[in-house]
Protein backbone atom coordinates (compact mmCIF):
# COMPACT_ATOMS: atom_id res chain seq x y z
CA MET A 1 26.91 2.45 8.01
CA GLU A 2 30.71 1.99 8.01
CA ASP A 3 30.54 -1.21 5.96
CA THR A 4 30.57 -1.29 2.17
CA ILE A 5 27.56 -3.35 1.10
CA THR A 6 26.67 -5.18 -2.10
CA ALA A 7 23.75 -7.15 -3.54
CA ILE A 8 22.25 -8.24 -6.83
CA ALA A 9 19.65 -5.64 -7.78
CA THR A 10 17.93 -7.55 -10.59
CA ALA A 11 15.74 -10.65 -10.51
CA SER A 12 17.52 -13.98 -10.68
CA GLY A 13 17.32 -15.98 -13.87
CA VAL A 14 18.36 -15.80 -17.51
CA SER A 15 18.32 -12.24 -18.87
CA ALA A 16 20.28 -9.86 -21.10
CA ILE A 17 21.94 -8.11 -18.14
CA ASN A 18 22.04 -8.22 -14.37
CA ILE A 19 23.03 -5.36 -12.08
CA ILE A 20 25.10 -5.68 -8.92
CA LYS A 21 25.06 -2.65 -6.62
CA VAL A 22 27.82 -1.60 -4.24
CA SER A 23 27.50 1.25 -1.72
CA GLY A 24 29.87 2.60 0.93
CA LYS A 25 33.00 4.65 1.38
CA GLU A 26 35.21 1.90 -0.11
CA SER A 27 32.90 0.91 -2.98
CA ILE A 28 34.92 2.56 -5.77
CA GLU A 29 38.23 1.25 -4.42
CA ILE A 30 36.95 -2.32 -4.00
CA VAL A 31 35.41 -2.53 -7.48
CA ASN A 32 38.49 -0.91 -9.02
CA LYS A 33 40.64 -3.80 -7.70
CA ILE A 34 38.70 -6.34 -9.78
CA PHE A 35 37.89 -4.11 -12.79
CA LYS A 36 40.21 -4.02 -15.80
CA GLY A 37 39.55 -0.86 -17.77
CA HIS A 38 39.50 2.80 -16.78
CA ASP A 39 40.87 3.65 -13.32
CA LEU A 40 37.63 4.14 -11.37
CA THR A 41 39.37 6.00 -8.55
CA VAL A 42 39.99 8.98 -10.85
CA SER A 43 36.74 8.79 -12.79
CA ASN A 44 34.13 11.53 -12.67
CA THR A 45 30.79 10.98 -11.00
CA TYR A 46 27.84 9.88 -13.17
CA THR A 47 30.11 8.10 -15.66
CA ILE A 48 30.03 4.60 -17.11
CA HIS A 49 33.08 2.56 -18.12
CA TYR A 50 33.64 -0.50 -20.30
CA GLY A 51 35.97 -3.31 -19.25
CA TYR A 52 36.23 -6.72 -17.60
CA ILE A 53 35.86 -8.16 -14.13
CA GLU A 54 39.06 -10.14 -13.47
CA TYR A 55 40.03 -12.26 -10.48
CA ASN A 56 43.18 -14.34 -10.00
CA ASN A 57 44.20 -13.52 -13.59
CA GLU A 58 40.91 -14.93 -14.94
CA LYS A 59 38.43 -12.86 -16.94
CA ILE A 60 35.06 -13.41 -15.32
CA ASP A 61 32.81 -11.26 -17.53
CA GLU A 62 32.64 -8.31 -19.89
CA VAL A 63 30.91 -5.47 -18.03
CA LEU A 64 29.87 -1.83 -17.89
CA VAL A 65 30.58 -0.14 -14.56
CA SER A 66 28.73 3.02 -13.46
CA VAL A 67 30.27 5.33 -10.87
CA PHE A 68 28.30 7.69 -8.62
CA LYS A 69 30.21 9.76 -6.07
CA SER A 70 28.76 10.99 -2.78
CA PRO A 71 26.88 12.95 -1.69
CA LYS A 72 24.64 13.21 -4.78
CA THR A 73 23.78 9.52 -5.01
CA TYR A 74 20.83 7.30 -4.18
CA THR A 75 22.24 6.31 -0.78
CA GLY A 76 24.27 9.47 -0.17
CA GLU A 77 27.43 7.33 -0.29
CA ASP A 78 29.78 6.36 -3.12
CA VAL A 79 27.83 3.91 -5.28
CA VAL A 80 29.03 1.58 -8.05
CA GLU A 81 26.77 -0.48 -10.30
CA ILE A 82 28.19 -3.39 -12.28
CA ASN A 83 26.19 -4.27 -15.40
CA CYS A 84 27.13 -7.85 -16.26
CA HIS A 85 25.64 -10.50 -18.52
CA GLY A 86 22.47 -12.08 -17.17
CA GLY A 87 22.46 -15.56 -15.71
CA LEU A 88 22.98 -17.11 -12.30
CA ALA A 89 26.56 -18.36 -12.64
CA THR A 90 28.16 -15.13 -13.84
CA THR A 91 26.22 -12.84 -11.51
CA ASN A 92 26.81 -14.98 -8.44
CA LYS A 93 30.52 -15.29 -9.26
CA ILE A 94 30.95 -11.51 -9.39
CA LEU A 95 28.98 -11.16 -6.14
CA GLU A 96 31.22 -13.79 -4.54
CA ILE A 97 34.35 -11.91 -5.64
CA LEU A 98 33.00 -8.65 -4.20
CA LEU A 99 32.31 -10.38 -0.87
CA THR A 100 35.85 -11.73 -0.71
CA SER A 101 37.28 -8.32 -1.68
CA GLY A 102 35.88 -6.35 1.25
CA CYS A 103 32.14 -5.99 0.76
CA ARG A 104 29.39 -7.28 3.02
CA LEU A 105 26.14 -8.72 1.67
CA ALA A 106 23.42 -6.09 2.09
CA GLU A 107 20.45 -6.79 4.32
CA PRO A 108 16.94 -6.53 2.82
CA GLY A 109 16.22 -2.87 2.06
CA GLU A 110 19.63 -1.70 3.32
CA PHE A 111 20.38 0.50 0.30
CA ILE A 112 17.17 2.51 0.72
CA LYS A 113 17.64 2.48 4.51
CA ARG A 114 20.98 4.23 4.00
CA ALA A 115 19.22 6.69 1.68
CA PHE A 116 16.82 7.48 4.54
CA LEU A 117 19.50 7.74 7.23
CA ASN A 118 21.59 9.99 4.99
CA GLY A 119 18.63 12.32 4.36
CA LYS A 120 18.05 11.34 0.73
CA LYS A 121 14.54 10.05 1.31
CA ASN A 122 11.94 10.41 4.05
CA LEU A 123 9.61 7.64 5.24
CA ILE A 124 6.73 8.63 2.93
CA GLU A 125 9.08 8.42 -0.04
CA VAL A 126 10.54 5.12 1.20
CA GLU A 127 7.11 3.54 1.57
CA ALA A 128 6.07 4.95 -1.81
CA VAL A 129 9.06 3.18 -3.42
CA GLU A 130 7.79 -0.10 -1.98
CA ASP A 131 4.33 0.69 -3.37
CA ILE A 132 5.80 1.36 -6.83
CA ILE A 133 7.52 -2.01 -6.77
CA ASN A 134 4.26 -3.74 -5.78
CA ALA A 135 1.90 -1.63 -7.94
CA LYS A 136 -0.45 -3.81 -9.99
CA THR A 137 -2.35 -1.07 -11.83
CA GLU A 138 -1.61 2.22 -13.58
CA LYS A 139 -3.54 4.15 -10.91
CA ALA A 140 -1.48 2.52 -8.16
CA ARG A 141 1.71 3.47 -9.98
CA LYS A 142 0.63 7.10 -10.37
CA MET A 143 -0.41 7.36 -6.73
CA SER A 144 2.91 5.88 -5.59
CA MET A 145 4.84 8.34 -7.74
CA ASN A 146 3.15 11.23 -5.94
CA GLY A 147 4.70 9.85 -2.76
CA VAL A 148 8.15 9.47 -4.32
CA SER A 149 8.07 12.93 -5.92
CA GLY A 150 7.46 14.65 -2.59
CA ILE A 151 3.88 15.90 -3.07
CA LEU A 152 2.61 14.03 0.00
CA THR A 153 5.66 15.12 1.99
CA ASP A 154 4.93 18.77 1.19
CA MET A 155 1.34 18.36 2.43
CA ILE A 156 2.53 17.13 5.83
CA LYS A 157 5.37 19.67 6.05
CA ASN A 158 2.96 22.55 5.43
CA LEU A 159 0.78 21.39 8.34
CA LYS A 160 3.86 21.07 10.57
CA GLU A 161 4.93 24.60 9.67
CA LYS A 162 1.49 25.97 10.66
CA ILE A 163 1.72 24.25 14.05
CA LEU A 164 5.31 25.38 14.57
CA SER A 165 4.30 28.97 13.80
CA ILE A 166 1.60 28.79 16.50
CA ILE A 167 4.05 27.32 19.04
CA ALA A 168 6.68 29.94 18.22
CA ASN A 169 4.23 32.80 18.68
CA ILE A 170 3.04 31.40 22.02
CA GLU A 171 6.63 31.24 23.24
CA VAL A 172 7.30 34.81 22.08
CA ASN A 173 4.13 35.97 23.87
CA ILE A 174 5.40 34.35 27.09
CA ASP A 175 9.10 35.28 26.94
CA TYR A 176 8.87 38.66 25.20
CA PRO A 177 5.45 40.19 26.02
CA GLU A 178 6.80 43.63 25.05
CA TYR A 179 7.51 42.45 21.46
CA GLU A 180 4.70 44.16 19.57
CA ASP A 181 5.25 42.59 16.12
CA ALA A 182 4.39 39.08 17.36
CA ILE A 183 0.81 37.85 16.98
CA GLU A 184 -0.79 37.34 20.37
CA ILE A 185 -2.18 33.79 20.31
CA THR A 186 -5.56 33.92 22.06
CA ASN A 187 -8.01 31.06 22.47
CA ASN A 188 -10.03 32.41 19.53
CA ILE A 189 -7.01 32.62 17.25
CA LEU A 190 -5.92 29.11 18.31
CA LYS A 191 -9.42 27.80 17.59
CA GLU A 192 -9.34 29.24 14.07
CA ASN A 193 -5.91 27.79 13.30
CA ILE A 194 -6.55 24.38 14.80
CA ASN A 195 -9.83 24.09 12.89
CA GLU A 196 -7.95 24.67 9.63
CA ILE A 197 -5.42 21.96 10.49
CA GLU A 198 -8.23 19.59 11.50
CA THR A 199 -10.02 20.20 8.19
CA SER A 200 -6.87 19.38 6.25
CA LEU A 201 -6.24 16.18 8.21
CA ASN A 202 -9.87 15.06 7.87
CA LYS A 203 -9.60 15.57 4.13
CA ILE A 204 -6.41 13.50 4.02
CA LEU A 205 -8.07 10.76 6.11
CA LYS A 206 -11.24 10.72 4.01
CA GLU A 207 -9.29 10.49 0.77
CA SER A 208 -7.10 7.75 2.23
CA GLU A 209 -10.05 5.44 1.58
CA LYS A 210 -9.53 6.12 -2.12
CA GLY A 211 -5.85 5.45 -1.67
CA LYS A 212 -6.52 2.08 -0.04
CA LEU A 213 -8.87 1.16 -2.89
CA ILE A 214 -6.23 2.00 -5.49
CA LYS A 215 -3.45 0.22 -3.61
CA ASN A 216 -5.26 -2.85 -2.27
CA GLY A 217 -8.25 -3.21 -4.56
CA ILE A 218 -11.59 -4.61 -3.35
CA LYS A 219 -11.86 -8.06 -1.81
CA VAL A 220 -15.25 -9.48 -2.83
CA GLY A 221 -16.76 -12.57 -1.21
CA ILE A 222 -19.51 -14.35 -3.16
CA ILE A 223 -21.76 -15.82 -0.47
CA GLY A 224 -24.90 -17.93 -0.48
CA LYS A 225 -26.44 -21.35 0.05
CA PRO A 226 -25.34 -24.28 -2.11
CA ASN A 227 -26.57 -24.35 -5.71
CA VAL A 228 -27.79 -20.74 -5.90
CA GLY A 229 -25.35 -19.84 -8.71
CA LYS A 230 -22.24 -18.59 -6.90
CA SER A 231 -19.73 -20.47 -9.04
CA SER A 232 -21.66 -19.65 -12.21
CA LEU A 233 -21.57 -15.96 -11.29
CA LEU A 234 -17.81 -16.12 -10.68
CA ASN A 235 -17.28 -17.74 -14.07
CA ARG A 236 -19.53 -15.16 -15.75
CA LEU A 237 -17.73 -12.21 -14.15
CA LEU A 238 -14.32 -13.65 -15.01
CA ASP A 239 -15.49 -14.74 -18.48
CA GLU A 240 -13.83 -18.11 -17.96
CA GLU A 241 -14.67 -21.51 -16.49
CA LYS A 242 -12.74 -21.02 -13.27
CA ALA A 243 -15.09 -22.82 -10.90
CA ILE A 244 -16.72 -26.23 -11.35
CA VAL A 245 -20.49 -25.91 -11.86
CA THR A 246 -22.92 -28.80 -11.37
CA ASP A 247 -26.49 -29.29 -10.16
CA ILE A 248 -25.15 -31.20 -7.15
CA GLU A 249 -25.30 -29.18 -3.94
CA GLY A 250 -21.98 -28.69 -2.14
CA THR A 251 -19.79 -29.01 -5.25
CA THR A 252 -17.62 -26.09 -4.12
CA ARG A 253 -15.73 -27.26 -1.02
CA ASP A 254 -12.91 -24.72 -1.06
CA ILE A 255 -12.53 -21.09 -2.10
CA VAL A 256 -11.96 -20.29 -5.79
CA GLU A 257 -10.50 -16.90 -6.70
CA GLY A 258 -10.12 -14.63 -9.70
CA THR A 259 -9.54 -10.94 -10.50
CA ILE A 260 -11.38 -8.42 -12.64
CA TYR A 261 -10.91 -4.65 -13.02
CA ILE A 262 -13.46 -1.85 -12.83
CA ASN A 263 -12.16 1.63 -13.72
CA GLY A 264 -8.63 0.38 -13.15
CA ILE A 265 -9.38 -0.94 -9.64
CA PRO A 266 -8.80 -4.67 -9.06
CA LEU A 267 -11.67 -6.71 -7.66
CA TYR A 268 -10.47 -9.93 -6.06
CA LEU A 269 -13.45 -12.26 -6.43
CA ILE A 270 -13.73 -15.21 -4.05
CA ASP A 271 -16.26 -17.96 -4.68
CA THR A 272 -17.00 -19.70 -1.39
CA ALA A 273 -18.53 -22.98 -0.31
CA GLY A 274 -22.30 -22.86 0.12
CA ILE A 275 -23.28 -21.90 3.65
CA ARG A 276 -25.57 -24.47 5.24
CA LYS A 277 -25.69 -26.95 8.10
CA THR A 278 -24.04 -30.20 7.06
CA ASP A 279 -22.69 -33.42 8.61
CA ASN A 280 -19.98 -33.70 5.95
CA ILE A 281 -16.67 -32.84 7.64
CA VAL A 282 -15.03 -31.60 4.44
CA GLU A 283 -18.01 -29.40 3.62
CA GLN A 284 -18.02 -28.07 7.19
CA ILE A 285 -14.44 -26.87 6.69
CA GLY A 286 -15.55 -25.12 3.49
CA VAL A 287 -18.39 -23.40 5.35
CA GLN A 288 -15.97 -22.22 8.05
CA LYS A 289 -13.71 -20.74 5.36
CA SER A 290 -16.74 -18.98 3.86
CA GLU A 291 -17.54 -17.40 7.22
CA LYS A 292 -13.94 -16.19 7.51
CA ILE A 293 -14.20 -14.60 4.04
CA ILE A 294 -17.29 -12.72 5.23
CA GLU A 295 -15.20 -11.16 8.00
CA GLU A 296 -12.31 -10.19 5.70
CA ALA A 297 -14.18 -9.03 2.57
CA ASP A 298 -14.66 -5.36 1.62
CA LEU A 299 -17.82 -6.30 -0.27
CA ILE A 300 -20.20 -9.24 0.00
CA ILE A 301 -22.10 -10.35 -3.08
CA ALA A 302 -24.90 -12.34 -1.46
CA ILE A 303 -26.68 -14.47 -4.03
CA PHE A 304 -30.14 -15.98 -3.52
CA ASP A 305 -32.29 -18.32 -5.60
CA GLY A 306 -35.24 -16.21 -6.75
CA SER A 307 -37.19 -19.29 -7.85
CA LYS A 308 -37.54 -20.52 -4.25
CA GLU A 309 -39.09 -19.08 -1.13
CA ILE A 310 -36.74 -17.62 1.45
CA THR A 311 -35.56 -20.14 4.04
CA GLU A 312 -34.19 -20.12 7.56
CA GLU A 313 -30.70 -20.64 6.12
CA ASP A 314 -31.17 -17.49 3.99
CA TYR A 315 -32.06 -15.52 7.12
CA GLU A 316 -28.94 -16.86 8.84
CA ILE A 317 -26.81 -15.68 5.91
CA LEU A 318 -28.40 -12.21 6.08
CA ASP A 319 -27.64 -12.12 9.80
CA LYS A 320 -23.97 -13.03 9.17
CA ILE A 321 -23.51 -10.24 6.61
CA ASN A 322 -25.56 -7.61 8.43
CA SER A 323 -22.60 -5.38 9.31
CA LYS A 324 -20.89 -5.59 5.90
CA LYS A 325 -21.19 -3.66 2.64
CA VAL A 326 -23.54 -5.93 0.67
CA LEU A 327 -24.82 -6.31 -2.88
CA VAL A 328 -27.74 -8.76 -3.10
CA ILE A 329 -28.17 -10.80 -6.28
CA ILE A 330 -31.56 -12.42 -6.85
CA ASN A 331 -30.64 -15.12 -9.35
CA LYS A 332 -32.66 -17.39 -11.68
CA GLN A 333 -34.97 -14.70 -13.03
CA ASP A 334 -35.53 -16.99 -16.02
CA LEU A 335 -37.74 -19.07 -13.69
CA ASN A 336 -40.87 -18.09 -11.79
CA THR A 337 -40.06 -15.74 -8.91
CA LYS A 338 -41.13 -17.02 -5.51
CA ILE A 339 -38.76 -15.23 -3.14
CA ASP A 340 -40.14 -12.38 -1.02
CA LEU A 341 -38.14 -9.32 -2.13
CA SER A 342 -39.41 -7.23 0.79
CA LYS A 343 -36.93 -9.09 3.01
CA PHE A 344 -34.06 -7.36 1.15
CA GLU A 345 -35.28 -3.76 1.21
CA LYS A 346 -32.25 -2.42 3.10
CA TYR A 347 -29.82 -3.76 0.47
CA ASN A 348 -28.82 -2.85 -3.05
CA ILE A 349 -30.58 -5.50 -5.15
CA ILE A 350 -29.98 -6.74 -8.68
CA LYS A 351 -32.31 -9.28 -10.25
CA CYS A 352 -30.58 -11.38 -12.88
CA SER A 353 -30.21 -14.71 -14.58
CA VAL A 354 -26.58 -15.76 -14.45
CA LYS A 355 -27.34 -18.71 -16.74
CA ASN A 356 -28.75 -16.43 -19.46
CA ASN A 357 -26.25 -13.59 -18.84
CA GLN A 358 -29.13 -11.27 -17.91
CA ASN A 359 -28.29 -8.01 -16.07
CA ILE A 360 -24.71 -9.07 -15.32
CA GLU A 361 -23.46 -5.66 -16.47
CA LYS A 362 -25.58 -4.05 -13.72
CA ILE A 363 -23.35 -5.74 -11.14
CA TYR A 364 -20.36 -3.80 -12.47
CA GLU A 365 -22.41 -0.58 -12.48
CA GLU A 366 -23.61 -1.07 -8.90
CA ILE A 367 -20.12 -1.82 -7.54
CA ASN A 368 -18.91 1.30 -9.35
CA LYS A 369 -21.55 3.36 -7.50
CA MET A 370 -21.05 1.70 -4.11
CA PHE A 371 -17.34 2.51 -4.04
CA ASN A 372 -17.52 5.80 -6.01
CA LEU A 373 -14.95 4.46 -8.44
CA ASN A 374 -15.74 7.21 -10.96
CA GLU A 375 -14.27 9.72 -8.50
CA LEU A 376 -10.91 8.07 -9.01
CA GLU A 377 -10.92 9.05 -12.68
CA THR A 378 -8.56 11.96 -12.11
CA ASN A 379 -4.87 12.72 -12.50
CA ASP A 380 -4.70 14.05 -8.94
CA LEU A 381 -4.02 10.78 -7.14
CA THR A 382 -2.45 12.42 -4.08
CA TYR A 383 -3.69 10.01 -1.43
CA ILE A 384 -2.08 8.25 1.50
CA SER A 385 -2.71 4.51 1.56
CA ASN A 386 -0.14 3.19 4.00
CA ALA A 387 -1.57 1.79 7.25
CA ARG A 388 1.21 3.35 9.36
CA GLN A 389 0.62 6.80 7.87
CA ILE A 390 -3.17 6.54 8.25
CA SER A 391 -2.86 5.50 11.92
CA LEU A 392 -0.67 8.56 12.61
CA VAL A 393 -3.20 10.87 10.91
CA LYS A 394 -5.91 9.37 13.15
CA LYS A 395 -3.68 9.86 16.20
CA SER A 396 -3.14 13.51 15.17
CA LEU A 397 -6.91 14.04 14.96
CA GLU A 398 -7.32 12.61 18.48
CA ILE A 399 -4.73 15.11 19.74
CA ILE A 400 -6.61 17.92 17.99
CA LYS A 401 -9.81 16.79 19.69
CA GLU A 402 -8.08 17.19 23.07
CA ILE A 403 -6.67 20.61 22.06
CA LYS A 404 -10.13 21.82 21.07
CA LYS A 405 -11.60 20.54 24.33
CA GLN A 406 -9.02 22.43 26.37
CA ASN A 407 -9.46 25.52 24.23
CA GLU A 408 -13.24 25.51 24.73
CA ASN A 409 -12.62 25.32 28.48
CA GLN A 410 -10.50 28.47 28.15
CA THR A 411 -7.33 26.70 29.24
CA PRO A 412 -4.43 29.18 28.83
CA VAL A 413 -2.78 28.68 25.46
CA ASP A 414 0.66 28.28 27.04
CA LEU A 415 -0.63 25.12 28.77
CA ILE A 416 -2.13 23.82 25.50
CA GLN A 417 1.31 24.24 23.95
CA ILE A 418 2.31 20.77 25.22
CA ASP A 419 -0.40 19.14 23.09
CA LEU A 420 0.55 21.31 20.12
CA GLN A 421 4.13 20.04 20.44
CA ASN A 422 2.80 16.46 20.59
CA LEU A 423 0.77 17.10 17.44
CA TRP A 424 3.82 18.51 15.63
CA GLU A 425 5.90 15.47 16.59
CA THR A 426 3.19 13.00 15.56
CA LEU A 427 2.97 14.53 12.10
CA GLY A 428 6.76 14.36 12.00
CA GLU A 429 6.58 10.59 12.51
CA ILE A 430 4.71 10.30 9.20
CA ILE A 431 7.68 11.58 7.21
CA GLY A 432 10.30 10.18 9.59
CA ASP A 433 11.50 13.35 11.33
CA SER A 434 11.30 11.20 14.45
CA TYR A 435 11.24 7.41 14.55
CA LYS A 436 12.01 4.28 16.54
CA GLU A 437 14.71 1.87 15.41
CA GLU A 438 12.24 -1.04 15.58
CA LEU A 439 9.99 0.78 13.11
CA LEU A 440 12.83 1.19 10.62
CA ASP A 441 13.72 -2.50 10.91
CA GLU A 442 10.12 -3.44 10.13
CA ILE A 443 9.78 -1.05 7.17
CA PHE A 444 13.07 -1.85 5.45
CA SER A 445 12.83 -5.61 5.99
CA LYS A 446 9.98 -5.66 3.46
CA PHE A 447 12.33 -4.73 0.62
CA CYS A 448 14.39 -7.19 -1.41
CA LEU A 449 18.16 -7.54 -0.96
CA GLY A 450 19.15 -5.22 -3.81
CA LYS A 451 16.92 -2.27 -2.87
């Protein structure tokens, strides 16, 4: 934190401008040494100045330099941003000069790490910034902004305040029993309060599923025997000839992928090799990849040839997908139906003809229903979607379960206070009130150098 750091904040390549960021107690002084224009050391905060970067009596580039003075800056330190002309040579030259003038190259995510350590952002806001950078849809952007703007932080802080109020009253009851204005925390009062907190956390956890959908989309594996229409279905859904389609069984040897959107949620479609027993080594590898996709997919579209009777291989496929969320497609309805539909009663079924584009729109409708995507049509996208945050909510609910168990056994509330403290600290980990250094290293390493 004592070093002054610098990095290129914009993507490399040819562009109108690039931005080089500098942060640290010597940032203004260092940049001022190589800037010919207004004296930056006497400039006001939130000002921008025109001039040149010069080094060894050579003009390097014409620039605009922005000055931000601590503590009201992104990192909480003095920050300078150099807006130079885009292009690798000019940008890298200015960066090189800064490094020889007293700066150190920033580590990945070090600017936002300093913002966290200086109290400018908490961990929810930090992780939301990463989500904004990686957002692929408008819904994902809106949800991430709710994290950056502090709405999610306020939700967690309110729960922490409720727990802290209970703990404080228990301590007053113990240390100052004569203090009449304090609420006496009995087992019944604790039960009422802890139930409210549990309800709030369960709601957050339930709605986190929506958050994961918005952030990660839906991974869809198209599964079936060879030549049942998997590749044709992929092409039809994508409205392009992405996969090779022939009448020869086993044409698809490797996975083929594409993306569509339903209600603003990305569906990552994966066409897999036909699952069957085969002596062909290459095809065997394709089948193994298909089985791996079954394990990883959020949704399986299992496609069967309706013009043929069900086979042992079909039963094996049904057995493989038994524990997954499944949409069954009975294809080739343009031919005589021979398959026994009673074998698929437990599944959502759509009968269609991929070749003739029959009932394809019902696939979109059914996926919409299966994942309740219409519920996401709202401006209130206040969901958590980060795996770390979700795991801590689950851990908090486990602690609550133990608190309720002790409370039902009429354990004195002053003994339950230890678990209440644990619950308060666990919720604090979500926003970063308490943390481990290894966790910070992992989180901030995911960011690029200039963030």
